[in-house]
C-alpha atoms as a PDB file:
ATOM      1  CA  MET A   1      97.534 102.740 103.066  1.00  0.00           C
ATOM      2  CA  GLU A   2      95.868 100.299 105.460  1.00  0.00           C
ATOM      3  CA  GLU A   3      94.754 100.270 108.979  1.00  0.00           C
ATOM      4  CA  LEU A   4      94.169  97.193 111.100  1.00  0.00           C
ATOM      5  CA  HIS A   5      92.562  97.706 114.456  1.00  0.00           C
ATOM      6  CA  SER A   6      93.432  94.293 115.927  1.00  0.00           C
ATOM      7  CA  GLU A   7      96.487  94.060 118.184  1.00  0.00           C
ATOM      8  CA  THR A   8      97.137  90.353 118.476  1.00  0.00           C
ATOM      9  CA  GLN A   9      97.122  87.364 116.181  1.00  0.00           C
ATOM     10  CA  LYS A  10      95.515  84.019 116.883  1.00  0.00           C
ATOM     11  CA  ALA A  11      97.745  81.000 116.362  1.00  0.00           C
ATOM     12  CA  GLU A  12      94.954  78.606 115.415  1.00  0.00           C
ATOM     13  CA  PRO A  13      91.602  79.108 113.708  1.00  0.00           C
ATOM     14  CA  GLU A  14      88.276  78.375 115.367  1.00  0.00           C
ATOM     15  CA  PRO A  15      86.684  74.938 114.808  1.00  0.00           C
ATOM     16  CA  LEU A  16      85.162  74.518 111.369  1.00  0.00           C
ATOM     17  CA  SER A  17      81.689  74.041 112.888  1.00  0.00           C
ATOM     18  CA  SER A  18      81.674  77.691 113.950  1.00  0.00           C
ATOM     19  CA  PRO A  19      82.920  79.911 111.125  1.00  0.00           C
ATOM     20  CA  LYS A  20      83.535  83.553 111.829  1.00  0.00           C
ATOM     21  CA  ILE A  21      81.515  85.841 109.588  1.00  0.00           C
ATOM     22  CA  ILE A  22      83.476  88.828 108.302  1.00  0.00           C
ATOM     23  CA  GLY A  23      81.480  91.685 106.814  1.00  0.00           C
ATOM     24  CA  LEU A  24      83.041  93.224 103.696  1.00  0.00           C
ATOM     25  CA  THR A  25      81.838  96.579 102.427  1.00  0.00           C
ATOM     26  CA  GLY A  26      82.805  99.673 100.452  1.00  0.00           C
ATOM     27  CA  GLY A  27      81.160 102.515  98.575  1.00  0.00           C
ATOM     28  CA  ILE A  28      80.875 102.826  94.812  1.00  0.00           C
ATOM     29  CA  GLY A  29      84.285 102.779  93.107  1.00  0.00           C
ATOM     30  CA  SER A  30      86.101 101.642  96.239  1.00  0.00           C
ATOM     31  CA  GLY A  31      87.276  98.305  94.839  1.00  0.00           C
ATOM     32  CA  LYS A  32      85.173  96.148  97.177  1.00  0.00           C
ATOM     33  CA  THR A  33      84.435  93.529  94.512  1.00  0.00           C
ATOM     34  CA  THR A  34      88.112  93.294  93.555  1.00  0.00           C
ATOM     35  CA  VAL A  35      89.017  92.716  97.201  1.00  0.00           C
ATOM     36  CA  ALA A  36      86.326  90.028  97.408  1.00  0.00           C
ATOM     37  CA  LYS A  37      87.878  88.220  94.426  1.00  0.00           C
ATOM     38  CA  PHE A  38      91.311  88.354  96.098  1.00  0.00           C
ATOM     39  CA  ILE A  39      89.795  86.863  99.259  1.00  0.00           C
ATOM     40  CA  GLU A  40      88.425  83.986  97.187  1.00  0.00           C
ATOM     41  CA  GLU A  41      91.880  83.501  95.678  1.00  0.00           C
ATOM     42  CA  PHE A  42      93.220  83.140  99.233  1.00  0.00           C
ATOM     43  CA  GLY A  43      90.823  80.240  99.747  1.00  0.00           C
ATOM     44  CA  PHE A  44      88.001  81.858 101.686  1.00  0.00           C
ATOM     45  CA  PRO A  45      84.354  81.784 100.540  1.00  0.00           C
ATOM     46  CA  VAL A  46      82.532  85.040  99.838  1.00  0.00           C
ATOM     47  CA  TYR A  47      78.774  85.512  99.839  1.00  0.00           C
ATOM     48  CA  TYR A  48      77.900  88.318  97.422  1.00  0.00           C
ATOM     49  CA  SER A  49      74.796  89.822  99.043  1.00  0.00           C
ATOM     50  CA  ASP A  50      74.202  92.425  96.357  1.00  0.00           C
ATOM     51  CA  GLU A  51      74.470  89.906  93.511  1.00  0.00           C
ATOM     52  CA  ARG A  52      72.282  87.369  95.308  1.00  0.00           C
ATOM     53  CA  ALA A  53      69.682  90.061  95.935  1.00  0.00           C
ATOM     54  CA  LYS A  54      69.501  90.683  92.178  1.00  0.00           C
ATOM     55  CA  GLU A  55      68.853  86.960  91.652  1.00  0.00           C
ATOM     56  CA  ILE A  56      66.442  86.475  94.547  1.00  0.00           C
ATOM     57  CA  VAL A  57      64.073  89.235  93.350  1.00  0.00           C
ATOM     58  CA  ASN A  58      63.571  87.137  90.222  1.00  0.00           C
ATOM     59  CA  GLU A  59      63.413  83.728  91.922  1.00  0.00           C
ATOM     60  CA  ASN A  60      61.157  84.336  94.920  1.00  0.00           C
ATOM     61  CA  GLU A  61      57.478  84.634  93.949  1.00  0.00           C
ATOM     62  CA  ASN A  62      56.433  85.891  97.375  1.00  0.00           C
ATOM     63  CA  LEU A  63      59.056  88.617  97.121  1.00  0.00           C
ATOM     64  CA  LYS A  64      57.867  89.564  93.635  1.00  0.00           C
ATOM     65  CA  ALA A  65      54.329  90.036  94.924  1.00  0.00           C
ATOM     66  CA  LYS A  66      55.466  92.284  97.780  1.00  0.00           C
ATOM     67  CA  ILE A  67      57.632  94.429  95.484  1.00  0.00           C
ATOM     68  CA  LYS A  68      54.753  94.849  93.002  1.00  0.00           C
ATOM     69  CA  GLU A  69      52.471  95.815  95.867  1.00  0.00           C
ATOM     70  CA  LEU A  70      54.952  98.485  96.949  1.00  0.00           C
ATOM     71  CA  LEU A  71      56.017  99.854  93.560  1.00  0.00           C
ATOM     72  CA  GLY A  72      53.381  98.666  91.097  1.00  0.00           C
ATOM     73  CA  GLU A  73      53.339  96.125  88.269  1.00  0.00           C
ATOM     74  CA  GLU A  74      56.025  98.075  86.410  1.00  0.00           C
ATOM     75  CA  ALA A  75      58.564  96.809  88.960  1.00  0.00           C
ATOM     76  CA  TYR A  76      58.751  93.755  86.673  1.00  0.00           C
ATOM     77  CA  ASP A  77      58.966  93.827  82.892  1.00  0.00           C
ATOM     78  CA  GLU A  78      56.845  91.931  80.374  1.00  0.00           C
ATOM     79  CA  ASP A  79      59.093  88.889  80.778  1.00  0.00           C
ATOM     80  CA  GLY A  80      58.527  88.880  84.526  1.00  0.00           C
ATOM     81  CA  LEU A  81      62.025  90.078  85.320  1.00  0.00           C
ATOM     82  CA  TYR A  82      62.921  92.728  87.888  1.00  0.00           C
ATOM     83  CA  ASN A  83      62.911  96.137  86.225  1.00  0.00           C
ATOM     84  CA  ARG A  84      66.000  97.638  87.812  1.00  0.00           C
ATOM     85  CA  LYS A  85      65.801 100.889  85.845  1.00  0.00           C
ATOM     86  CA  PHE A  86      62.215 101.575  86.870  1.00  0.00           C
ATOM     87  CA  VAL A  87      62.791 100.594  90.502  1.00  0.00           C
ATOM     88  CA  GLY A  88      65.953 102.686  90.669  1.00  0.00           C
ATOM     89  CA  GLU A  89      64.100 105.745  89.394  1.00  0.00           C
ATOM     90  CA  GLN A  90      61.381 105.269  92.018  1.00  0.00           C
ATOM     91  CA  VAL A  91      63.644 104.933  95.043  1.00  0.00           C
ATOM     92  CA  PHE A  92      66.657 107.086  94.122  1.00  0.00           C
ATOM     93  CA  SER A  93      65.237 110.287  95.561  1.00  0.00           C
ATOM     94  CA  ASN A  94      62.770 108.699  97.965  1.00  0.00           C
ATOM     95  CA  LYS A  95      64.493 107.417 101.094  1.00  0.00           C
ATOM     96  CA  GLU A  96      61.265 106.207 102.691  1.00  0.00           C
ATOM     97  CA  LEU A  97      60.431 104.095  99.651  1.00  0.00           C
ATOM     98  CA  LEU A  98      64.002 102.779  99.493  1.00  0.00           C
ATOM     99  CA  ASP A  99      63.813 101.784 103.154  1.00  0.00           C
ATOM    100  CA  GLN A 100      60.545  99.956 102.524  1.00  0.00           C
ATOM    101  CA  LEU A 101      62.077  98.122  99.572  1.00  0.00           C
ATOM    102  CA  ASN A 102      65.085  97.109 101.662  1.00  0.00           C
ATOM    103  CA  GLN A 103      62.743  95.855 104.375  1.00  0.00           C
ATOM    104  CA  ILE A 104      61.203  93.535 101.813  1.00  0.00           C
ATOM    105  CA  ILE A 105      64.396  92.292 100.159  1.00  0.00           C
ATOM    106  CA  HIS A 106      66.755  92.111 103.141  1.00  0.00           C
ATOM    107  CA  PRO A 107      64.935  89.323 105.070  1.00  0.00           C
ATOM    108  CA  ALA A 108      64.939  87.115 101.959  1.00  0.00           C
ATOM    109  CA  VAL A 109      68.667  87.683 101.486  1.00  0.00           C
ATOM    110  CA  ARG A 110      69.225  86.928 105.178  1.00  0.00           C
ATOM    111  CA  VAL A 111      67.530  83.517 104.837  1.00  0.00           C
ATOM    112  CA  ASP A 112      69.550  82.778 101.706  1.00  0.00           C
ATOM    113  CA  PHE A 113      72.771  83.767 103.503  1.00  0.00           C
ATOM    114  CA  GLU A 114      71.965  81.560 106.496  1.00  0.00           C
ATOM    115  CA  ASP A 115      71.439  78.604 104.162  1.00  0.00           C
ATOM    116  CA  TRP A 116      74.791  79.368 102.503  1.00  0.00           C
ATOM    117  CA  VAL A 117      76.601  79.564 105.849  1.00  0.00           C
ATOM    118  CA  LYS A 118      75.461  76.029 106.757  1.00  0.00           C
ATOM    119  CA  LYS A 119      77.334  74.687 103.726  1.00  0.00           C
ATOM    120  CA  GLN A 120      80.680  76.356 104.508  1.00  0.00           C
ATOM    121  CA  THR A 121      83.693  74.641 106.062  1.00  0.00           C
ATOM    122  CA  LYS A 122      86.317  77.404 106.329  1.00  0.00           C
ATOM    123  CA  TYR A 123      87.030  79.083 109.673  1.00  0.00           C
ATOM    124  CA  LEU A 124      86.507  82.515 108.071  1.00  0.00           C
ATOM    125  CA  ILE A 125      83.688  83.339 105.675  1.00  0.00           C
ATOM    126  CA  PHE A 126      82.993  86.735 104.140  1.00  0.00           C
ATOM    127  CA  LYS A 127      79.706  88.517 103.585  1.00  0.00           C
ATOM    128  CA  GLU A 128      80.028  91.212 100.902  1.00  0.00           C
ATOM    129  CA  THR A 129      77.372  93.892 101.083  1.00  0.00           C
ATOM    130  CA  ALA A 130      77.208  97.575 100.174  1.00  0.00           C
ATOM    131  CA  LEU A 131      74.872  98.307 103.108  1.00  0.00           C
ATOM    132  CA  LEU A 132      76.806  96.630 105.914  1.00  0.00           C
ATOM    133  CA  PHE A 133      76.696  99.658 108.207  1.00  0.00           C
ATOM    134  CA  GLU A 134      73.500 101.252 106.912  1.00  0.00           C
ATOM    135  CA  LEU A 135      71.497  98.120 107.793  1.00  0.00           C
ATOM    136  CA  LYS A 136      73.615  97.515 110.923  1.00  0.00           C
ATOM    137  CA  LEU A 137      74.617  94.099 109.571  1.00  0.00           C
ATOM    138  CA  ASN A 138      78.077  94.627 111.061  1.00  0.00           C
ATOM    139  CA  LYS A 139      76.523  93.812 114.443  1.00  0.00           C
ATOM    140  CA  GLU A 140      75.912  90.294 113.141  1.00  0.00           C
ATOM    141  CA  CYS A 141      79.527  89.869 112.018  1.00  0.00           C
ATOM    142  CA  TYR A 142      82.652  88.934 113.966  1.00  0.00           C
ATOM    143  CA  LYS A 143      84.620  91.704 112.240  1.00  0.00           C
ATOM    144  CA  SER A 144      84.010  94.258 109.513  1.00  0.00           C
ATOM    145  CA  VAL A 145      86.348  95.172 106.657  1.00  0.00           C
ATOM    146  CA  LEU A 146      85.909  98.456 104.802  1.00  0.00           C
ATOM    147  CA  VAL A 147      87.446  99.102 101.382  1.00  0.00           C
ATOM    148  CA  THR A 148      87.775 102.823 100.711  1.00  0.00           C
ATOM    149  CA  ALA A 149      89.636 105.335  98.546  1.00  0.00           C
ATOM    150  CA  GLU A 150      89.840 109.059  97.984  1.00  0.00           C
ATOM    151  CA  ASP A 151      86.639 110.490  96.487  1.00  0.00           C
ATOM    152  CA  ASN A 152      88.232 111.697  93.246  1.00  0.00           C
ATOM    153  CA  ILE A 153      89.795 108.282  92.657  1.00  0.00           C
ATOM    154  CA  ARG A 154      86.479 106.531  93.240  1.00  0.00           C
ATOM    155  CA  ILE A 155      84.666 108.944  90.921  1.00  0.00           C
ATOM    156  CA  LYS A 156      87.186 108.433  88.110  1.00  0.00           C
ATOM    157  CA  ARG A 157      86.957 104.648  88.446  1.00  0.00           C
ATOM    158  CA  VAL A 158      83.178 104.694  88.101  1.00  0.00           C
ATOM    159  CA  MET A 159      83.302 107.169  85.201  1.00  0.00           C
ATOM    160  CA  ASP A 160      85.768 104.904  83.376  1.00  0.00           C
ATOM    161  CA  ARG A 161      83.858 101.724  84.263  1.00  0.00           C
ATOM    162  CA  ASP A 162      80.243 102.807  83.739  1.00  0.00           C
ATOM    163  CA  GLY A 163      80.528 105.782  81.413  1.00  0.00           C
ATOM    164  CA  LYS A 164      78.807 108.044  83.921  1.00  0.00           C
ATOM    165  CA  THR A 165      79.488 111.759  84.254  1.00  0.00           C
ATOM    166  CA  TYR A 166      81.281 113.303  87.228  1.00  0.00           C
ATOM    167  CA  ARG A 167      78.001 114.753  88.525  1.00  0.00           C
ATOM    168  CA  GLU A 168      76.153 111.437  88.155  1.00  0.00           C
ATOM    169  CA  VAL A 169      78.734 109.593  90.247  1.00  0.00           C
ATOM    170  CA  GLN A 170      78.787 112.414  92.792  1.00  0.00           C
ATOM    171  CA  ALA A 171      75.013 112.170  93.147  1.00  0.00           C
ATOM    172  CA  ILE A 172      75.261 108.435  93.860  1.00  0.00           C
ATOM    173  CA  MET A 173      78.015 108.963  96.427  1.00  0.00           C
ATOM    174  CA  GLU A 174      75.996 111.649  98.189  1.00  0.00           C
ATOM    175  CA  LYS A 175      73.239 109.079  98.750  1.00  0.00           C
ATOM    176  CA  GLN A 176      75.641 106.696 100.478  1.00  0.00           C
ATOM    177  CA  MET A 177      76.863 106.863 104.059  1.00  0.00           C
ATOM    178  CA  PRO A 178      79.877 109.230 104.299  1.00  0.00           C
ATOM    179  CA  GLU A 179      83.229 107.475 104.259  1.00  0.00           C
ATOM    180  CA  LYS A 180      84.272 109.143 107.522  1.00  0.00           C
ATOM    181  CA  ASP A 181      81.311 107.507 109.270  1.00  0.00           C
ATOM    182  CA  LYS A 182      82.110 104.087 107.822  1.00  0.00           C
ATOM    183  CA  ILE A 183      85.746 104.416 108.891  1.00  0.00           C
ATOM    184  CA  LYS A 184      84.651 105.008 112.476  1.00  0.00           C
ATOM    185  CA  LEU A 185      82.571 101.818 112.419  1.00  0.00           C
ATOM    186  CA  ALA A 186      84.987  99.479 110.615  1.00  0.00           C
ATOM    187  CA  ASP A 187      87.291  97.056 112.416  1.00  0.00           C
ATOM    188  CA  CYS A 188      89.706  96.805 109.487  1.00  0.00           C
ATOM    189  CA  ILE A 189      90.262  99.352 106.732  1.00  0.00           C
ATOM    190  CA  ILE A 190      91.804  98.850 103.296  1.00  0.00           C
ATOM    191  CA  TYR A 191      92.830 102.077 101.564  1.00  0.00           C
ATOM    192  CA  ASN A 192      92.731 101.419  97.823  1.00  0.00           C
ATOM    193  CA  ASN A 193      94.432 104.501  96.389  1.00  0.00           C
ATOM    194  CA  THR A 194      97.260 102.998  94.335  1.00  0.00           C
ATOM    195  CA  ASN A 195      97.341  99.801  92.282  1.00  0.00           C
ATOM    196  CA  LEU A 196      96.103  96.201  92.206  1.00  0.00           C
ATOM    197  CA  GLU A 197      99.412  94.777  93.412  1.00  0.00           C
ATOM    198  CA  ASP A 198      99.324  96.913  96.549  1.00  0.00           C
ATOM    199  CA  LEU A 199      95.639  96.180  97.036  1.00  0.00           C
ATOM    200  CA  LYS A 200      96.181  92.427  96.917  1.00  0.00           C
ATOM    201  CA  GLU A 201      99.099  92.631  99.343  1.00  0.00           C
ATOM    202  CA  ILE A 202      97.137  94.700 101.866  1.00  0.00           C
ATOM    203  CA  THR A 203      94.082  92.448 101.515  1.00  0.00           C
ATOM    204  CA  GLU A 204      96.171  89.349 102.181  1.00  0.00           C
ATOM    205  CA  LYS A 205      97.756  90.942 105.239  1.00  0.00           C
ATOM    206  CA  ILE A 206      94.411  91.920 106.719  1.00  0.00           C
ATOM    207  CA  VAL A 207      92.656  88.620 105.987  1.00  0.00           C
ATOM    208  CA  PHE A 208      95.365  86.472 107.555  1.00  0.00           C
ATOM    209  CA  ASN A 209      95.710  88.751 110.577  1.00  0.00           C
ATOM    210  CA  ILE A 210      92.064  88.633 111.598  1.00  0.00           C
ATOM    211  CA  GLU A 211      92.253  87.322 115.140  1.00  0.00           C
END
Protein backbone atom coordinates (compact mmCIF):
# COMPACT_ATOMS: atom_id res chain seq x y z
CA MET A 1 0.00 0.00 0.00
CA GLU A 2 2.93 2.37 0.48
CA GLU A 3 6.42 2.65 -0.69
CA LEU A 4 9.18 4.62 1.00
CA HIS A 5 12.42 4.99 -0.88
CA SER A 6 14.55 6.14 2.07
CA GLU A 7 16.66 3.53 3.86
CA THR A 8 17.71 5.23 7.06
CA GLN A 9 16.12 7.45 9.66
CA LYS A 10 17.59 10.61 11.10
CA ALA A 11 17.64 10.81 14.89
CA GLU A 12 17.35 14.59 15.09
CA PRO A 13 15.73 17.17 12.83
CA GLU A 14 17.65 19.92 11.06
CA PRO A 15 17.92 23.34 12.76
CA LEU A 16 14.72 25.36 12.60
CA SER A 17 16.46 28.08 10.57
CA SER A 18 16.71 25.69 7.62
CA PRO A 19 13.42 23.85 7.11
CA LYS A 20 13.30 21.04 4.61
CA ILE A 21 10.71 21.59 1.91
CA ILE A 22 8.73 18.47 1.04
CA GLY A 23 6.75 18.54 -2.19
CA LEU A 24 3.31 16.92 -1.95
CA THR A 25 1.40 16.03 -5.09
CA GLY A 26 -1.23 13.73 -6.57
CA GLY A 27 -3.60 13.59 -9.52
CA ILE A 28 -7.33 14.26 -9.41
CA GLY A 29 -9.13 11.94 -6.99
CA SER A 30 -5.91 10.69 -5.41
CA GLY A 31 -6.61 12.05 -1.93
CA LYS A 32 -3.78 14.59 -1.93
CA THR A 33 -5.78 17.21 -0.02
CA THR A 34 -6.83 14.66 2.61
CA VAL A 35 -3.19 13.70 3.11
CA ALA A 36 -2.29 17.38 3.44
CA LYS A 37 -4.88 17.79 6.21
CA PHE A 38 -3.43 14.76 8.04
CA ILE A 39 0.04 16.31 7.78
CA GLU A 40 -1.30 19.47 9.41
CA GLU A 41 -2.82 17.34 12.16
CA PHE A 42 0.67 15.92 12.79
CA GLY A 43 1.90 19.46 13.42
CA PHE A 44 3.57 20.33 10.14
CA PRO A 45 2.63 23.40 8.06
CA VAL A 46 1.33 22.95 4.52
CA TYR A 47 1.39 25.57 1.79
CA TYR A 48 -1.53 24.95 -0.57
CA SER A 49 -0.13 26.17 -3.90
CA ASP A 50 -3.29 25.50 -5.89
CA GLU A 51 -5.53 27.31 -3.40
CA ARG A 52 -3.14 30.25 -3.09
CA ALA A 53 -2.99 30.52 -6.87
CA LYS A 54 -6.78 30.92 -6.93
CA GLU A 55 -6.46 33.77 -4.43
CA ILE A 56 -3.43 35.45 -5.98
CA VAL A 57 -5.08 35.81 -9.41
CA ASN A 58 -7.66 38.00 -7.69
CA GLU A 59 -5.26 39.91 -5.42
CA ASN A 60 -2.37 40.78 -7.73
CA GLU A 61 -3.21 43.62 -10.14
CA ASN A 62 -0.09 43.08 -12.23
CA LEU A 63 -1.04 39.43 -12.63
CA LYS A 64 -4.60 40.37 -13.61
CA ALA A 65 -3.28 42.60 -16.38
CA LYS A 66 -1.03 39.87 -17.78
CA ILE A 67 -3.83 37.28 -17.74
CA LYS A 68 -6.21 39.67 -19.52
CA GLU A 69 -3.52 40.37 -22.10
CA LEU A 70 -3.15 36.64 -22.73
CA LEU A 71 -6.80 35.55 -22.63
CA GLY A 72 -8.83 38.74 -23.04
CA GLU A 73 -11.04 40.80 -20.73
CA GLU A 74 -13.39 37.84 -20.27
CA ALA A 75 -10.75 36.21 -18.06
CA TYR A 76 -12.33 38.31 -15.29
CA ASP A 77 -16.04 38.74 -14.68
CA GLU A 78 -18.00 41.97 -14.22
CA ASP A 79 -17.05 42.01 -10.53
CA GLY A 80 -13.37 41.82 -11.40
CA LEU A 81 -13.00 38.24 -10.23
CA TYR A 82 -11.11 35.50 -12.04
CA ASN A 83 -13.46 33.71 -14.42
CA ARG A 84 -12.38 30.14 -13.84
CA LYS A 85 -14.99 28.65 -16.18
CA PHE A 86 -13.97 30.84 -19.10
CA VAL A 87 -10.24 30.37 -18.50
CA GLY A 88 -10.67 26.62 -18.13
CA GLU A 89 -12.49 26.41 -21.45
CA GLN A 90 -9.71 28.36 -23.17
CA VAL A 91 -6.78 26.30 -21.91
CA PHE A 92 -8.28 22.81 -21.53
CA SER A 93 -7.50 21.72 -25.07
CA ASN A 94 -4.70 24.19 -25.75
CA LYS A 95 -1.45 23.10 -24.12
CA GLU A 96 0.51 26.07 -25.45
CA LEU A 97 -1.97 28.52 -23.94
CA LEU A 98 -2.00 26.58 -20.66
CA ASP A 99 1.80 26.71 -20.53
CA GLN A 100 1.72 30.46 -21.10
CA LEU A 101 -0.83 30.89 -18.33
CA ASN A 102 1.29 28.82 -15.95
CA GLN A 103 4.31 30.94 -16.85
CA ILE A 104 2.38 33.98 -15.69
CA ILE A 105 0.89 32.54 -12.49
CA HIS A 106 3.73 30.32 -11.28
CA PRO A 107 6.30 33.10 -10.57
CA ALA A 108 3.74 34.96 -8.45
CA VAL A 109 2.99 31.81 -6.47
CA ARG A 110 6.72 31.21 -6.05
CA VAL A 111 7.20 34.66 -4.47
CA ASP A 112 4.22 34.07 -2.19
CA PHE A 113 5.61 30.67 -1.17
CA GLU A 114 9.04 32.13 -0.41
CA ASP A 115 7.42 34.73 1.84
CA TRP A 116 5.49 31.95 3.60
CA VAL A 117 8.63 29.86 4.13
CA LYS A 118 10.33 32.74 5.98
CA LYS A 119 7.58 32.62 8.61
CA GLN A 120 7.83 28.87 9.33
CA THR A 121 9.58 27.32 12.33
CA LYS A 122 9.13 23.56 11.83
CA TYR A 123 12.00 21.42 10.53
CA LEU A 124 9.72 20.01 7.80
CA ILE A 125 7.33 22.10 5.73
CA PHE A 126 5.14 20.83 2.91
CA LYS A 127 4.36 22.39 -0.44
CA GLU A 128 1.15 20.95 -1.92
CA THR A 129 0.87 21.35 -5.67
CA ALA A 130 -0.80 19.39 -8.46
CA LEU A 131 2.01 20.26 -10.90
CA LEU A 132 5.02 19.30 -8.79
CA PHE A 133 6.61 17.16 -11.49
CA GLU A 134 5.15 18.89 -14.54
CA LEU A 135 6.77 22.19 -13.54
CA LYS A 136 9.86 20.39 -12.18
CA LEU A 137 9.23 21.92 -8.75
CA ASN A 138 10.41 18.66 -7.18
CA LYS A 139 13.96 19.79 -8.01
CA GLU A 140 13.47 22.63 -5.52
CA CYS A 141 12.30 20.27 -2.76
CA TYR A 142 14.27 18.09 -0.35
CA LYS A 143 11.90 15.17 -0.99
CA SER A 144 8.72 14.55 -2.94
CA VAL A 145 5.63 12.67 -1.77
CA LEU A 146 3.13 11.32 -4.29
CA VAL A 147 -0.41 10.32 -3.34
CA THR A 148 -1.88 7.91 -5.88
CA ALA A 149 -4.62 5.31 -6.33
CA GLU A 150 -5.97 2.98 -8.97
CA ASP A 151 -7.60 4.85 -11.87
CA ASN A 152 -11.09 3.43 -11.33
CA ILE A 153 -11.00 4.39 -7.66
CA ARG A 154 -9.91 7.93 -8.49
CA ILE A 155 -12.61 8.26 -11.15
CA LYS A 156 -15.35 7.09 -8.78
CA ARG A 157 -14.20 9.52 -6.08
CA VAL A 158 -14.38 12.48 -8.45
CA MET A 159 -17.75 11.37 -9.86
CA ASP A 160 -19.15 11.14 -6.32
CA ARG A 161 -17.51 14.41 -5.22
CA ASP A 162 -18.10 16.64 -8.25
CA GLY A 163 -21.02 15.00 -10.02
CA LYS A 164 -18.98 14.54 -13.18
CA THR A 165 -19.49 11.69 -15.64
CA TYR A 166 -17.00 8.86 -16.10
CA ARG A 167 -15.90 10.30 -19.46
CA GLU A 168 -15.46 13.81 -18.04
CA VAL A 169 -13.14 12.58 -15.29
CA GLN A 170 -11.27 10.39 -17.77
CA ALA A 171 -10.70 13.40 -20.01
CA ILE A 172 -9.21 15.36 -17.10
CA MET A 173 -6.94 12.47 -16.13
CA GLU A 174 -5.71 12.10 -19.70
CA LYS A 175 -4.49 15.71 -19.55
CA GLN A 176 -2.40 15.00 -16.46
CA MET A 177 1.01 13.35 -16.31
CA PRO A 178 0.60 9.53 -16.26
CA GLU A 179 0.78 8.01 -12.80
CA LYS A 180 3.56 5.63 -13.87
CA ASP A 181 5.75 8.62 -14.73
CA LYS A 182 5.04 10.33 -11.41
CA ILE A 183 5.85 7.13 -9.52
CA LYS A 184 9.27 7.01 -11.16
CA LEU A 185 9.99 10.57 -10.03
CA ALA A 186 8.63 10.43 -6.47
CA ASP A 187 10.80 9.81 -3.42
CA CYS A 188 7.89 8.59 -1.29
CA ILE A 189 4.63 7.08 -2.51
CA ILE A 190 1.32 6.77 -0.67
CA TYR A 191 -1.11 4.30 -2.25
CA ASN A 192 -4.62 5.42 -1.29
CA ASN A 193 -6.75 2.46 -2.37
CA THR A 194 -8.56 1.54 0.85
CA ASN A 195 -9.88 3.77 3.63
CA LEU A 196 -9.12 6.93 5.61
CA GLU A 197 -7.79 5.03 8.61
CA ASP A 198 -5.19 3.26 6.49
CA LEU A 199 -4.39 6.48 4.66
CA LYS A 200 -3.72 8.37 7.88
CA GLU A 201 -1.53 5.57 9.23
CA ILE A 202 0.58 5.40 6.06
CA THR A 203 0.85 9.20 5.90
CA GLU A 204 2.08 9.35 9.49
CA LYS A 205 4.65 6.64 8.85
CA ILE A 206 6.03 8.38 5.79
CA VAL A 207 6.10 11.88 7.30
CA PHE A 208 7.97 10.82 10.43
CA ASN A 209 10.42 8.65 8.49
CA ILE A 210 11.60 11.38 6.14
CA GLU A 211 15.33 11.43 6.77
